[in-house]
Amino acid sequence: MKIAEHLYIYLWGDPRENNCNSIFIDGKTPLLIDPGHGHRVNDLFGRMREDGVDPERIRMIVCTHAHPDHFSGTAAFHGSHQKIAISREEEKYIEDIGRPMYVQQGIQMPDYRVDFYLREGDLVVGKHELQVLLTPGHSPGSICIFWPRYKILFSGDVVFAQGVGRADLPGGNAAALKQSVKRLSELPVEIIVPGHGPVIQGSAQVRSNFEFVTRALANVR
């Protein structure tokens, strides 16, 4: 679904499976954020084609973190021309903790590669100027992406509508998650596209949502 110039959002709405929302940013270097589960990538591609977007045009894949429902879809791009990026901290997490977690969930670890690492700071993709924020807590190397032009935050599994990401999975840290939420709440955000669930639109709604989740995290140490 196209929601703004260059910006397409594909929300996952099937309650029978925990797949993630995906974001496509068109332009000189077309960017896909969070391809989702590997066996659902063809579904995503079909929805993109319905919008007139050819998935073959994708040049960069960014994963907010390496849990299977966000990262395993990168296997669909193995051996291709697309560049795959995560944070260096998250790659270390994959090898130390993530790989055993995949096995525990009965999911085969994808034959992945990382072409470059995302660091805190500006990320210029074609003519689009984005900002990368390291936001640990749900996973050690989790990132969020802020697009100042639209005041839109792609929050991965850090902040949802009236909720936050789990911190009880391997590598999770509730205190770090609380600090990450605080950082995000200080941004001039008008739209949040979370890794799961509905989009939060409007500065008042965004502010109210941050107030709600901040209260929920008040006793976290």
N, C-alpha and C. Protein backbone atom coordinates (compact mmCIF):
# COMPACT_ATOMS: atom_id res chain seq x y z
N MET A 1 0.84 -1.19 0.00
CA MET A 1 0.00 0.00 0.00
C MET A 1 0.88 1.25 0.00
N LYS A 2 0.67 2.12 -0.97
CA LYS A 2 1.43 3.36 -1.05
C LYS A 2 0.79 4.39 -0.12
N ILE A 3 1.60 4.98 0.78
CA ILE A 3 1.03 5.96 1.70
C ILE A 3 1.63 7.35 1.50
N ALA A 4 2.72 7.45 0.77
CA ALA A 4 3.34 8.75 0.49
C ALA A 4 4.26 8.56 -0.71
N GLU A 5 4.76 9.67 -1.22
CA GLU A 5 5.69 9.58 -2.34
C GLU A 5 6.89 8.72 -1.94
N HIS A 6 7.16 7.71 -2.73
CA HIS A 6 8.29 6.78 -2.52
C HIS A 6 8.06 5.77 -1.40
N LEU A 7 6.98 5.85 -0.65
CA LEU A 7 6.83 5.04 0.55
C LEU A 7 5.65 4.08 0.45
N TYR A 8 5.95 2.78 0.64
CA TYR A 8 4.94 1.72 0.61
C TYR A 8 5.04 0.91 1.91
N ILE A 9 3.91 0.61 2.50
CA ILE A 9 3.87 -0.15 3.74
C ILE A 9 3.01 -1.39 3.54
N TYR A 10 3.54 -2.53 3.98
CA TYR A 10 2.82 -3.80 3.84
C TYR A 10 2.64 -4.39 5.24
N LEU A 11 1.45 -4.15 5.79
CA LEU A 11 1.15 -4.62 7.14
C LEU A 11 0.75 -6.09 7.08
N TRP A 12 1.22 -6.84 8.07
CA TRP A 12 0.86 -8.25 8.17
C TRP A 12 -0.36 -8.37 9.08
N GLY A 13 -1.45 -8.89 8.53
CA GLY A 13 -2.68 -8.91 9.30
C GLY A 13 -3.25 -10.28 9.58
N ASP A 14 -2.53 -11.34 9.24
CA ASP A 14 -3.04 -12.69 9.45
C ASP A 14 -2.71 -13.15 10.87
N PRO A 15 -3.71 -13.30 11.75
CA PRO A 15 -3.42 -13.67 13.14
C PRO A 15 -2.92 -15.10 13.30
N ARG A 16 -2.97 -15.88 12.24
CA ARG A 16 -2.54 -17.28 12.34
C ARG A 16 -1.03 -17.43 12.30
N GLU A 17 -0.33 -16.37 11.94
CA GLU A 17 1.14 -16.46 11.87
C GLU A 17 1.76 -15.13 12.26
N ASN A 18 2.88 -15.20 12.93
CA ASN A 18 3.54 -14.01 13.46
C ASN A 18 4.58 -13.50 12.47
N ASN A 19 4.13 -13.00 11.34
CA ASN A 19 5.05 -12.38 10.40
C ASN A 19 5.09 -10.88 10.67
N CYS A 20 6.11 -10.20 10.13
CA CYS A 20 6.27 -8.78 10.44
C CYS A 20 5.71 -7.89 9.34
N ASN A 21 5.57 -6.61 9.67
CA ASN A 21 5.28 -5.59 8.67
C ASN A 21 6.55 -5.32 7.87
N SER A 22 6.38 -5.00 6.59
CA SER A 22 7.51 -4.68 5.72
C SER A 22 7.32 -3.29 5.13
N ILE A 23 8.41 -2.63 4.85
CA ILE A 23 8.39 -1.27 4.30
C ILE A 23 9.26 -1.23 3.05
N PHE A 24 8.75 -0.58 2.01
CA PHE A 24 9.52 -0.39 0.78
C PHE A 24 9.64 1.10 0.52
N ILE A 25 10.87 1.57 0.33
CA ILE A 25 11.12 2.96 -0.01
C ILE A 25 11.72 2.99 -1.41
N ASP A 26 10.98 3.58 -2.33
CA ASP A 26 11.39 3.62 -3.73
C ASP A 26 12.35 4.78 -3.96
N GLY A 27 13.02 4.74 -5.10
CA GLY A 27 13.95 5.81 -5.43
C GLY A 27 15.13 5.28 -6.22
N LYS A 28 16.22 6.03 -6.21
CA LYS A 28 17.41 5.64 -6.96
C LYS A 28 17.98 4.33 -6.45
N THR A 29 17.89 4.11 -5.12
CA THR A 29 18.35 2.87 -4.51
C THR A 29 17.18 2.28 -3.73
N PRO A 30 16.29 1.54 -4.38
CA PRO A 30 15.09 1.03 -3.70
C PRO A 30 15.45 0.16 -2.49
N LEU A 31 14.78 0.45 -1.38
CA LEU A 31 15.12 -0.13 -0.09
C LEU A 31 13.94 -0.90 0.49
N LEU A 32 14.22 -2.13 0.96
CA LEU A 32 13.22 -2.93 1.66
C LEU A 32 13.65 -3.08 3.12
N ILE A 33 12.75 -2.73 4.03
CA ILE A 33 13.02 -2.89 5.46
C ILE A 33 12.22 -4.08 5.97
N ASP A 34 12.91 -5.06 6.54
CA ASP A 34 12.31 -6.25 7.15
C ASP A 34 11.49 -7.09 6.16
N PRO A 35 12.15 -8.02 5.47
CA PRO A 35 11.44 -8.87 4.50
C PRO A 35 10.53 -9.90 5.13
N GLY A 36 10.68 -10.19 6.43
CA GLY A 36 9.79 -11.14 7.10
C GLY A 36 10.28 -12.56 7.02
N HIS A 37 9.37 -13.49 7.30
CA HIS A 37 9.68 -14.92 7.22
C HIS A 37 10.03 -15.31 5.77
N GLY A 38 10.97 -16.24 5.64
CA GLY A 38 11.38 -16.66 4.31
C GLY A 38 10.26 -17.22 3.47
N HIS A 39 9.37 -18.01 4.08
CA HIS A 39 8.29 -18.62 3.29
C HIS A 39 7.16 -17.65 3.00
N ARG A 40 7.26 -16.40 3.47
CA ARG A 40 6.25 -15.40 3.18
C ARG A 40 6.73 -14.32 2.22
N VAL A 41 7.97 -14.42 1.77
CA VAL A 41 8.51 -13.39 0.88
C VAL A 41 7.74 -13.32 -0.43
N ASN A 42 7.33 -14.46 -0.98
CA ASN A 42 6.57 -14.43 -2.22
C ASN A 42 5.23 -13.73 -2.05
N ASP A 43 4.62 -13.87 -0.86
CA ASP A 43 3.39 -13.12 -0.59
C ASP A 43 3.66 -11.62 -0.63
N LEU A 44 4.76 -11.21 -0.01
CA LEU A 44 5.14 -9.80 -0.03
C LEU A 44 5.37 -9.32 -1.45
N PHE A 45 6.10 -10.09 -2.22
CA PHE A 45 6.36 -9.70 -3.61
C PHE A 45 5.07 -9.56 -4.40
N GLY A 46 4.11 -10.44 -4.15
CA GLY A 46 2.84 -10.35 -4.85
C GLY A 46 2.10 -9.05 -4.52
N ARG A 47 2.13 -8.66 -3.26
CA ARG A 47 1.48 -7.41 -2.86
C ARG A 47 2.20 -6.20 -3.45
N MET A 48 3.51 -6.29 -3.55
CA MET A 48 4.26 -5.20 -4.16
C MET A 48 3.90 -5.06 -5.63
N ARG A 49 3.80 -6.18 -6.32
CA ARG A 49 3.45 -6.13 -7.74
C ARG A 49 2.06 -5.55 -7.94
N GLU A 50 1.14 -5.83 -7.03
CA GLU A 50 -0.19 -5.24 -7.12
C GLU A 50 -0.14 -3.71 -7.05
N ASP A 51 0.90 -3.18 -6.41
CA ASP A 51 1.10 -1.73 -6.33
C ASP A 51 1.93 -1.20 -7.49
N GLY A 52 2.29 -2.08 -8.42
CA GLY A 52 3.09 -1.66 -9.55
C GLY A 52 4.58 -1.59 -9.25
N VAL A 53 5.00 -2.24 -8.16
CA VAL A 53 6.41 -2.24 -7.77
C VAL A 53 7.03 -3.58 -8.12
N ASP A 54 8.08 -3.57 -8.90
CA ASP A 54 8.79 -4.78 -9.27
C ASP A 54 9.82 -5.12 -8.19
N PRO A 55 9.66 -6.24 -7.48
CA PRO A 55 10.63 -6.59 -6.43
C PRO A 55 12.06 -6.73 -6.93
N GLU A 56 12.23 -6.99 -8.23
CA GLU A 56 13.57 -7.11 -8.78
C GLU A 56 14.34 -5.79 -8.69
N ARG A 57 13.61 -4.68 -8.47
CA ARG A 57 14.26 -3.38 -8.37
C ARG A 57 14.90 -3.14 -7.01
N ILE A 58 14.58 -3.96 -6.03
CA ILE A 58 15.15 -3.77 -4.70
C ILE A 58 16.68 -3.84 -4.78
N ARG A 59 17.34 -2.88 -4.16
CA ARG A 59 18.80 -2.86 -4.17
C ARG A 59 19.39 -3.02 -2.77
N MET A 60 18.60 -2.74 -1.74
CA MET A 60 19.11 -2.83 -0.38
C MET A 60 18.04 -3.42 0.53
N ILE A 61 18.46 -4.31 1.43
CA ILE A 61 17.57 -4.87 2.44
C ILE A 61 18.15 -4.54 3.80
N VAL A 62 17.34 -3.88 4.62
CA VAL A 62 17.73 -3.54 5.99
C VAL A 62 16.84 -4.32 6.94
N CYS A 63 17.45 -4.96 7.92
CA CYS A 63 16.68 -5.68 8.95
C CYS A 63 16.84 -4.96 10.27
N THR A 64 15.71 -4.67 10.91
CA THR A 64 15.76 -3.99 12.20
C THR A 64 16.39 -4.87 13.26
N HIS A 65 16.22 -6.19 13.12
CA HIS A 65 16.87 -7.15 14.02
C HIS A 65 16.77 -8.52 13.37
N ALA A 66 17.35 -9.53 14.02
CA ALA A 66 17.56 -10.82 13.35
C ALA A 66 16.63 -11.93 13.82
N HIS A 67 15.53 -11.61 14.48
CA HIS A 67 14.57 -12.65 14.80
C HIS A 67 13.96 -13.21 13.51
N PRO A 68 13.55 -14.49 13.51
CA PRO A 68 13.13 -15.14 12.27
C PRO A 68 12.04 -14.41 11.50
N ASP A 69 11.08 -13.79 12.20
CA ASP A 69 9.95 -13.16 11.53
C ASP A 69 10.33 -11.84 10.87
N HIS A 70 11.56 -11.40 11.02
CA HIS A 70 12.04 -10.19 10.35
C HIS A 70 13.20 -10.50 9.40
N PHE A 71 14.00 -11.49 9.75
CA PHE A 71 15.30 -11.67 9.10
C PHE A 71 15.38 -12.87 8.16
N SER A 72 14.61 -13.92 8.40
CA SER A 72 14.83 -15.15 7.62
C SER A 72 14.51 -14.95 6.14
N GLY A 73 13.71 -13.93 5.81
CA GLY A 73 13.42 -13.64 4.41
C GLY A 73 14.62 -13.18 3.61
N THR A 74 15.72 -12.81 4.29
CA THR A 74 16.91 -12.41 3.54
C THR A 74 17.46 -13.55 2.69
N ALA A 75 17.10 -14.79 3.06
CA ALA A 75 17.57 -15.94 2.27
C ALA A 75 17.08 -15.88 0.84
N ALA A 76 15.96 -15.20 0.61
CA ALA A 76 15.43 -15.07 -0.75
C ALA A 76 16.34 -14.25 -1.65
N PHE A 77 17.25 -13.50 -1.04
CA PHE A 77 18.14 -12.63 -1.80
C PHE A 77 19.57 -13.15 -1.84
N HIS A 78 19.77 -14.37 -1.33
CA HIS A 78 21.13 -14.92 -1.29
C HIS A 78 21.66 -15.10 -2.71
N GLY A 79 22.88 -14.63 -2.94
CA GLY A 79 23.49 -14.76 -4.26
C GLY A 79 23.00 -13.75 -5.26
N SER A 80 22.27 -12.74 -4.79
CA SER A 80 21.70 -11.73 -5.69
C SER A 80 22.50 -10.43 -5.62
N HIS A 81 22.01 -9.43 -6.36
CA HIS A 81 22.70 -8.15 -6.42
C HIS A 81 22.33 -7.24 -5.25
N GLN A 82 21.31 -7.59 -4.49
CA GLN A 82 20.90 -6.74 -3.38
C GLN A 82 21.92 -6.76 -2.24
N LYS A 83 22.03 -5.64 -1.56
CA LYS A 83 22.92 -5.53 -0.41
C LYS A 83 22.10 -5.66 0.87
N ILE A 84 22.61 -6.43 1.82
CA ILE A 84 21.90 -6.71 3.05
C ILE A 84 22.64 -6.07 4.22
N ALA A 85 21.89 -5.39 5.08
CA ALA A 85 22.51 -4.64 6.17
C ALA A 85 21.79 -4.87 7.49
N ILE A 86 22.57 -5.05 8.55
CA ILE A 86 22.09 -5.05 9.93
C ILE A 86 23.17 -4.35 10.76
N SER A 87 22.95 -4.21 12.04
CA SER A 87 24.00 -3.64 12.88
C SER A 87 25.05 -4.72 13.18
N ARG A 88 26.26 -4.28 13.46
CA ARG A 88 27.33 -5.22 13.81
C ARG A 88 26.96 -5.97 15.09
N GLU A 89 26.31 -5.28 16.03
CA GLU A 89 25.91 -5.91 17.28
C GLU A 89 24.91 -7.04 17.02
N GLU A 90 24.07 -6.86 16.01
CA GLU A 90 23.06 -7.89 15.74
C GLU A 90 23.68 -9.10 15.04
N GLU A 91 24.71 -8.89 14.22
CA GLU A 91 25.38 -10.04 13.62
C GLU A 91 26.04 -10.88 14.71
N LYS A 92 26.65 -10.24 15.69
CA LYS A 92 27.26 -10.98 16.79
C LYS A 92 26.17 -11.76 17.55
N TYR A 93 25.03 -11.14 17.71
CA TYR A 93 23.90 -11.81 18.37
C TYR A 93 23.48 -13.06 17.60
N ILE A 94 23.45 -12.98 16.27
CA ILE A 94 23.06 -14.13 15.46
C ILE A 94 23.94 -15.32 15.79
N GLU A 95 25.24 -15.10 15.81
CA GLU A 95 26.18 -16.21 16.00
C GLU A 95 26.19 -16.71 17.45
N ASP A 96 26.07 -15.79 18.40
CA ASP A 96 26.16 -16.18 19.81
C ASP A 96 24.87 -16.75 20.36
N ILE A 97 23.74 -16.17 19.97
CA ILE A 97 22.46 -16.50 20.57
C ILE A 97 21.40 -16.84 19.53
N GLY A 98 21.39 -16.08 18.44
CA GLY A 98 20.31 -16.20 17.47
C GLY A 98 20.22 -17.56 16.81
N ARG A 99 21.36 -18.11 16.42
CA ARG A 99 21.34 -19.40 15.74
C ARG A 99 20.71 -20.49 16.61
N PRO A 100 21.10 -20.64 17.89
CA PRO A 100 20.42 -21.64 18.73
C PRO A 100 18.93 -21.35 18.90
N MET A 101 18.54 -20.06 18.91
CA MET A 101 17.13 -19.73 19.08
C MET A 101 16.33 -20.19 17.87
N TYR A 102 16.88 -20.04 16.68
CA TYR A 102 16.20 -20.54 15.48
C TYR A 102 15.94 -22.03 15.63
N VAL A 103 16.96 -22.76 16.05
CA VAL A 103 16.84 -24.21 16.20
C VAL A 103 15.75 -24.55 17.21
N GLN A 104 15.71 -23.82 18.33
CA GLN A 104 14.71 -24.07 19.35
C GLN A 104 13.29 -23.85 18.83
N GLN A 105 13.14 -22.94 17.88
CA GLN A 105 11.83 -22.65 17.31
C GLN A 105 11.51 -23.55 16.12
N GLY A 106 12.41 -24.49 15.84
CA GLY A 106 12.17 -25.40 14.73
C GLY A 106 12.31 -24.75 13.37
N ILE A 107 13.10 -23.68 13.29
CA ILE A 107 13.30 -22.93 12.05
C ILE A 107 14.75 -23.06 11.63
N GLN A 108 14.97 -23.31 10.36
CA GLN A 108 16.35 -23.42 9.87
C GLN A 108 16.96 -22.03 9.75
N MET A 109 18.15 -21.87 10.29
CA MET A 109 18.85 -20.60 10.18
C MET A 109 19.12 -20.31 8.71
N PRO A 110 18.72 -19.15 8.19
CA PRO A 110 18.94 -18.88 6.77
C PRO A 110 20.41 -18.79 6.43
N ASP A 111 20.72 -19.14 5.21
CA ASP A 111 22.08 -19.01 4.70
C ASP A 111 22.29 -17.53 4.39
N TYR A 112 22.63 -16.78 5.41
CA TYR A 112 22.62 -15.33 5.30
C TYR A 112 24.00 -14.78 4.99
N ARG A 113 23.99 -13.53 4.59
CA ARG A 113 25.23 -12.77 4.47
C ARG A 113 24.92 -11.34 4.91
N VAL A 114 25.95 -10.63 5.31
CA VAL A 114 25.82 -9.22 5.66
C VAL A 114 26.83 -8.46 4.80
N ASP A 115 26.31 -7.53 3.99
CA ASP A 115 27.18 -6.79 3.07
C ASP A 115 27.78 -5.54 3.72
N PHE A 116 27.04 -4.92 4.63
CA PHE A 116 27.61 -3.81 5.38
C PHE A 116 26.83 -3.63 6.68
N TYR A 117 27.46 -2.94 7.61
CA TYR A 117 26.88 -2.77 8.94
C TYR A 117 26.25 -1.39 9.07
N LEU A 118 25.15 -1.35 9.79
CA LEU A 118 24.48 -0.10 10.10
C LEU A 118 25.00 0.43 11.43
N ARG A 119 25.32 1.70 11.44
CA ARG A 119 25.80 2.35 12.66
C ARG A 119 24.85 3.48 13.03
N GLU A 120 24.93 3.89 14.26
CA GLU A 120 24.15 5.05 14.71
C GLU A 120 24.50 6.26 13.87
N GLY A 121 23.46 6.95 13.35
CA GLY A 121 23.72 8.16 12.59
C GLY A 121 22.98 8.19 11.27
N ASP A 122 23.42 9.05 10.39
CA ASP A 122 22.73 9.26 9.11
C ASP A 122 22.95 8.09 8.17
N LEU A 123 21.90 7.79 7.41
CA LEU A 123 21.96 6.77 6.37
C LEU A 123 21.35 7.38 5.11
N VAL A 124 22.18 7.64 4.12
CA VAL A 124 21.70 8.22 2.87
C VAL A 124 21.51 7.10 1.86
N VAL A 125 20.28 6.94 1.40
CA VAL A 125 19.93 5.90 0.44
C VAL A 125 19.40 6.60 -0.81
N GLY A 126 20.25 6.66 -1.84
CA GLY A 126 19.87 7.47 -3.00
C GLY A 126 19.77 8.92 -2.57
N LYS A 127 18.57 9.51 -2.75
CA LYS A 127 18.34 10.89 -2.33
C LYS A 127 17.62 10.98 -0.99
N HIS A 128 17.35 9.83 -0.38
CA HIS A 128 16.62 9.82 0.88
C HIS A 128 17.59 9.88 2.06
N GLU A 129 17.34 10.78 2.97
CA GLU A 129 18.17 10.95 4.15
C GLU A 129 17.44 10.38 5.36
N LEU A 130 17.92 9.24 5.85
CA LEU A 130 17.34 8.55 6.98
C LEU A 130 18.29 8.63 8.17
N GLN A 131 17.78 8.29 9.34
CA GLN A 131 18.61 8.23 10.53
C GLN A 131 18.47 6.86 11.18
N VAL A 132 19.60 6.26 11.51
CA VAL A 132 19.64 4.96 12.18
C VAL A 132 19.85 5.19 13.67
N LEU A 133 19.03 4.53 14.48
CA LEU A 133 19.18 4.60 15.93
C LEU A 133 19.38 3.19 16.46
N LEU A 134 20.43 2.99 17.24
CA LEU A 134 20.64 1.72 17.91
C LEU A 134 19.72 1.66 19.12
N THR A 135 18.85 0.67 19.14
CA THR A 135 17.81 0.61 20.17
C THR A 135 17.73 -0.79 20.76
N PRO A 136 18.72 -1.17 21.56
CA PRO A 136 18.73 -2.52 22.14
C PRO A 136 17.62 -2.70 23.16
N GLY A 137 17.38 -3.96 23.48
CA GLY A 137 16.38 -4.31 24.49
C GLY A 137 15.58 -5.50 24.07
N HIS A 138 14.93 -5.40 22.90
CA HIS A 138 14.23 -6.56 22.35
C HIS A 138 15.26 -7.56 21.84
N SER A 139 16.31 -7.05 21.23
CA SER A 139 17.49 -7.84 20.87
C SER A 139 18.70 -6.91 21.03
N PRO A 140 19.89 -7.47 21.18
CA PRO A 140 21.06 -6.64 21.52
C PRO A 140 21.43 -5.60 20.48
N GLY A 141 21.21 -5.91 19.19
CA GLY A 141 21.61 -5.00 18.13
C GLY A 141 20.46 -4.43 17.34
N SER A 142 19.29 -4.38 17.96
CA SER A 142 18.10 -3.85 17.29
C SER A 142 18.31 -2.40 16.86
N ILE A 143 17.76 -2.05 15.70
CA ILE A 143 17.79 -0.65 15.24
C ILE A 143 16.38 -0.18 14.93
N CYS A 144 16.21 1.13 14.96
CA CYS A 144 15.02 1.79 14.43
C CYS A 144 15.50 2.79 13.38
N ILE A 145 14.61 3.15 12.48
CA ILE A 145 14.95 4.09 11.42
C ILE A 145 13.96 5.24 11.44
N PHE A 146 14.49 6.46 11.49
CA PHE A 146 13.66 7.67 11.48
C PHE A 146 13.86 8.39 10.15
N TRP A 147 12.76 8.82 9.54
CA TRP A 147 12.80 9.55 8.28
C TRP A 147 12.32 10.97 8.54
N PRO A 148 13.24 11.89 8.75
CA PRO A 148 12.84 13.25 9.11
C PRO A 148 11.91 13.91 8.11
N ARG A 149 12.06 13.62 6.83
CA ARG A 149 11.24 14.28 5.82
C ARG A 149 9.75 14.09 6.11
N TYR A 150 9.39 12.88 6.51
CA TYR A 150 7.99 12.58 6.79
C TYR A 150 7.70 12.49 8.29
N LYS A 151 8.71 12.70 9.11
CA LYS A 151 8.58 12.54 10.57
C LYS A 151 7.98 11.17 10.90
N ILE A 152 8.53 10.16 10.22
CA ILE A 152 8.02 8.80 10.36
C ILE A 152 9.10 7.91 10.99
N LEU A 153 8.67 7.08 11.91
CA LEU A 153 9.59 6.19 12.62
C LEU A 153 9.24 4.75 12.29
N PHE A 154 10.21 4.00 11.79
CA PHE A 154 10.07 2.56 11.60
C PHE A 154 10.68 1.91 12.85
N SER A 155 9.82 1.46 13.73
CA SER A 155 10.26 1.15 15.10
C SER A 155 10.59 -0.32 15.33
N GLY A 156 10.56 -1.15 14.29
CA GLY A 156 10.88 -2.55 14.49
C GLY A 156 10.03 -3.13 15.61
N ASP A 157 10.66 -3.90 16.49
CA ASP A 157 9.92 -4.49 17.61
C ASP A 157 10.24 -3.79 18.93
N VAL A 158 10.51 -2.50 18.85
CA VAL A 158 10.75 -1.72 20.07
C VAL A 158 9.44 -1.15 20.61
N VAL A 159 8.68 -0.47 19.75
CA VAL A 159 7.42 0.15 20.15
C VAL A 159 6.32 -0.27 19.20
N PHE A 160 5.18 -0.67 19.77
CA PHE A 160 3.97 -0.99 19.01
C PHE A 160 2.85 -0.05 19.46
N ALA A 161 1.68 -0.23 18.87
CA ALA A 161 0.49 0.46 19.36
C ALA A 161 0.13 -0.13 20.72
N GLN A 162 0.30 0.68 21.76
CA GLN A 162 0.03 0.30 23.15
C GLN A 162 0.82 -0.93 23.59
N GLY A 163 2.06 -0.97 23.18
CA GLY A 163 2.91 -2.08 23.60
C GLY A 163 4.35 -1.86 23.23
N VAL A 164 5.20 -2.73 23.77
CA VAL A 164 6.62 -2.72 23.44
C VAL A 164 7.06 -4.14 23.14
N GLY A 165 8.24 -4.28 22.58
CA GLY A 165 8.76 -5.60 22.27
C GLY A 165 9.08 -6.41 23.51
N ARG A 166 9.04 -7.71 23.35
CA ARG A 166 9.39 -8.59 24.46
C ARG A 166 10.87 -8.45 24.80
N ALA A 167 11.15 -8.54 26.09
CA ALA A 167 12.54 -8.51 26.53
C ALA A 167 12.94 -9.82 27.19
N ASP A 168 12.04 -10.82 27.14
CA ASP A 168 12.32 -12.09 27.81
C ASP A 168 12.84 -13.16 26.86
N LEU A 169 13.08 -12.79 25.59
CA LEU A 169 13.69 -13.72 24.64
C LEU A 169 15.21 -13.69 24.86
N PRO A 170 15.92 -14.73 24.38
CA PRO A 170 17.39 -14.73 24.53
C PRO A 170 18.01 -13.45 23.99
N GLY A 171 18.83 -12.81 24.79
CA GLY A 171 19.46 -11.56 24.39
C GLY A 171 18.66 -10.32 24.73
N GLY A 172 17.45 -10.50 25.27
CA GLY A 172 16.63 -9.36 25.63
C GLY A 172 17.10 -8.70 26.92
N ASN A 173 16.74 -7.42 27.07
CA ASN A 173 17.15 -6.68 28.26
C ASN A 173 16.10 -5.59 28.51
N ALA A 174 15.31 -5.77 29.56
CA ALA A 174 14.19 -4.86 29.82
C ALA A 174 14.65 -3.44 30.13
N ALA A 175 15.74 -3.30 30.89
CA ALA A 175 16.24 -1.97 31.22
C ALA A 175 16.72 -1.24 29.96
N ALA A 176 17.40 -1.97 29.07
CA ALA A 176 17.85 -1.36 27.81
C ALA A 176 16.67 -0.98 26.93
N LEU A 177 15.63 -1.83 26.93
CA LEU A 177 14.42 -1.53 26.16
C LEU A 177 13.77 -0.24 26.66
N LYS A 178 13.71 -0.09 27.96
CA LYS A 178 13.12 1.12 28.55
C LYS A 178 13.88 2.36 28.07
N GLN A 179 15.20 2.31 28.06
CA GLN A 179 16.00 3.45 27.60
C GLN A 179 15.80 3.70 26.11
N SER A 180 15.67 2.64 25.33
CA SER A 180 15.45 2.80 23.89
C SER A 180 14.11 3.48 23.63
N VAL A 181 13.09 3.09 24.37
CA VAL A 181 11.77 3.71 24.22
C VAL A 181 11.85 5.20 24.57
N LYS A 182 12.58 5.52 25.63
CA LYS A 182 12.74 6.92 26.02
C LYS A 182 13.39 7.73 24.91
N ARG A 183 14.43 7.19 24.30
CA ARG A 183 15.10 7.89 23.18
C ARG A 183 14.13 8.17 22.06
N LEU A 184 13.36 7.15 21.68
CA LEU A 184 12.44 7.31 20.57
C LEU A 184 11.35 8.33 20.88
N SER A 185 10.94 8.38 22.14
CA SER A 185 9.86 9.30 22.52
C SER A 185 10.28 10.75 22.39
N GLU A 186 11.57 11.02 22.31
CA GLU A 186 12.08 12.39 22.22
C GLU A 186 12.21 12.87 20.78
N LEU A 187 11.93 12.01 19.82
CA LEU A 187 12.01 12.39 18.41
C LEU A 187 10.72 13.10 17.99
N PRO A 188 10.80 13.98 16.97
CA PRO A 188 9.60 14.68 16.48
C PRO A 188 8.79 13.80 15.52
N VAL A 189 8.21 12.73 16.06
CA VAL A 189 7.55 11.71 15.25
C VAL A 189 6.06 12.03 15.08
N GLU A 190 5.56 11.85 13.87
CA GLU A 190 4.13 12.00 13.60
C GLU A 190 3.49 10.70 13.13
N ILE A 191 4.31 9.75 12.71
CA ILE A 191 3.81 8.44 12.28
C ILE A 191 4.77 7.38 12.79
N ILE A 192 4.24 6.33 13.40
CA ILE A 192 5.05 5.16 13.76
C ILE A 192 4.56 3.97 12.97
N VAL A 193 5.49 3.33 12.26
CA VAL A 193 5.20 2.06 11.60
C VAL A 193 5.95 0.99 12.38
N PRO A 194 5.25 0.23 13.22
CA PRO A 194 5.93 -0.77 14.04
C PRO A 194 6.19 -2.05 13.26
N GLY A 195 6.95 -2.94 13.88
CA GLY A 195 7.24 -4.23 13.24
C GLY A 195 6.05 -5.15 13.18
N HIS A 196 5.05 -4.89 14.01
CA HIS A 196 3.82 -5.69 14.03
C HIS A 196 2.66 -4.77 14.40
N GLY A 197 1.49 -5.09 13.89
CA GLY A 197 0.32 -4.34 14.29
C GLY A 197 0.09 -3.07 13.48
N PRO A 198 -0.89 -2.26 13.92
CA PRO A 198 -1.29 -1.09 13.14
C PRO A 198 -0.32 0.07 13.22
N VAL A 199 -0.43 0.95 12.23
CA VAL A 199 0.33 2.19 12.19
C VAL A 199 -0.30 3.17 13.18
N ILE A 200 0.55 3.97 13.84
CA ILE A 200 0.09 5.02 14.74
C ILE A 200 0.29 6.34 14.01
N GLN A 201 -0.79 7.09 13.77
CA GLN A 201 -0.72 8.28 12.95
C GLN A 201 -1.17 9.51 13.73
N GLY A 202 -0.45 10.59 13.53
CA GLY A 202 -0.78 11.86 14.16
C GLY A 202 0.08 12.10 15.39
N SER A 203 0.60 13.32 15.52
CA SER A 203 1.51 13.62 16.62
C SER A 203 0.86 13.40 17.97
N ALA A 204 -0.43 13.72 18.11
CA ALA A 204 -1.11 13.52 19.40
C ALA A 204 -1.22 12.04 19.73
N GLN A 205 -1.54 11.22 18.74
CA GLN A 205 -1.66 9.77 18.96
C GLN A 205 -0.30 9.16 19.28
N VAL A 206 0.73 9.63 18.60
CA VAL A 206 2.09 9.14 18.86
C VAL A 206 2.50 9.49 20.29
N ARG A 207 2.25 10.73 20.67
CA ARG A 207 2.61 11.16 22.02
C ARG A 207 1.84 10.36 23.07
N SER A 208 0.55 10.17 22.83
CA SER A 208 -0.26 9.39 23.77
C SER A 208 0.23 7.96 23.89
N ASN A 209 0.65 7.39 22.75
CA ASN A 209 1.15 6.01 22.78
C ASN A 209 2.45 5.91 23.57
N PHE A 210 3.35 6.88 23.39
CA PHE A 210 4.59 6.87 24.15
C PHE A 210 4.30 7.04 25.65
N GLU A 211 3.35 7.88 25.98
CA GLU A 211 3.00 8.05 27.40
C GLU A 211 2.47 6.74 27.98
N PHE A 212 1.67 6.03 27.19
CA PHE A 212 1.11 4.75 27.65
C PHE A 212 2.20 3.73 27.90
N VAL A 213 3.11 3.54 26.93
CA VAL A 213 4.14 2.51 27.09
C VAL A 213 5.16 2.92 28.13
N THR A 214 5.39 4.22 28.29
CA THR A 214 6.32 4.68 29.33
C THR A 214 5.77 4.35 30.72
N ARG A 215 4.47 4.55 30.90
CA ARG A 215 3.86 4.18 32.19
C ARG A 215 3.98 2.68 32.42
N ALA A 216 3.79 1.90 31.35
CA ALA A 216 3.88 0.44 31.49
C ALA A 216 5.28 -0.01 31.88
N LEU A 217 6.29 0.78 31.50
CA LEU A 217 7.68 0.43 31.79
C LEU A 217 8.22 1.12 33.04
N ALA A 218 7.36 1.83 33.74
CA ALA A 218 7.82 2.68 34.84
C ALA A 218 8.59 1.92 35.90
N ASN A 219 8.21 0.68 36.19
CA ASN A 219 8.84 -0.06 37.27
C ASN A 219 10.01 -0.95 36.82
N VAL A 220 10.36 -0.83 35.53
CA VAL A 220 11.47 -1.63 35.01
C VAL A 220 12.79 -1.02 35.47
N ARG A 221 13.68 -1.86 35.97
CA ARG A 221 15.00 -1.39 36.40
C ARG A 221 16.10 -2.05 35.56
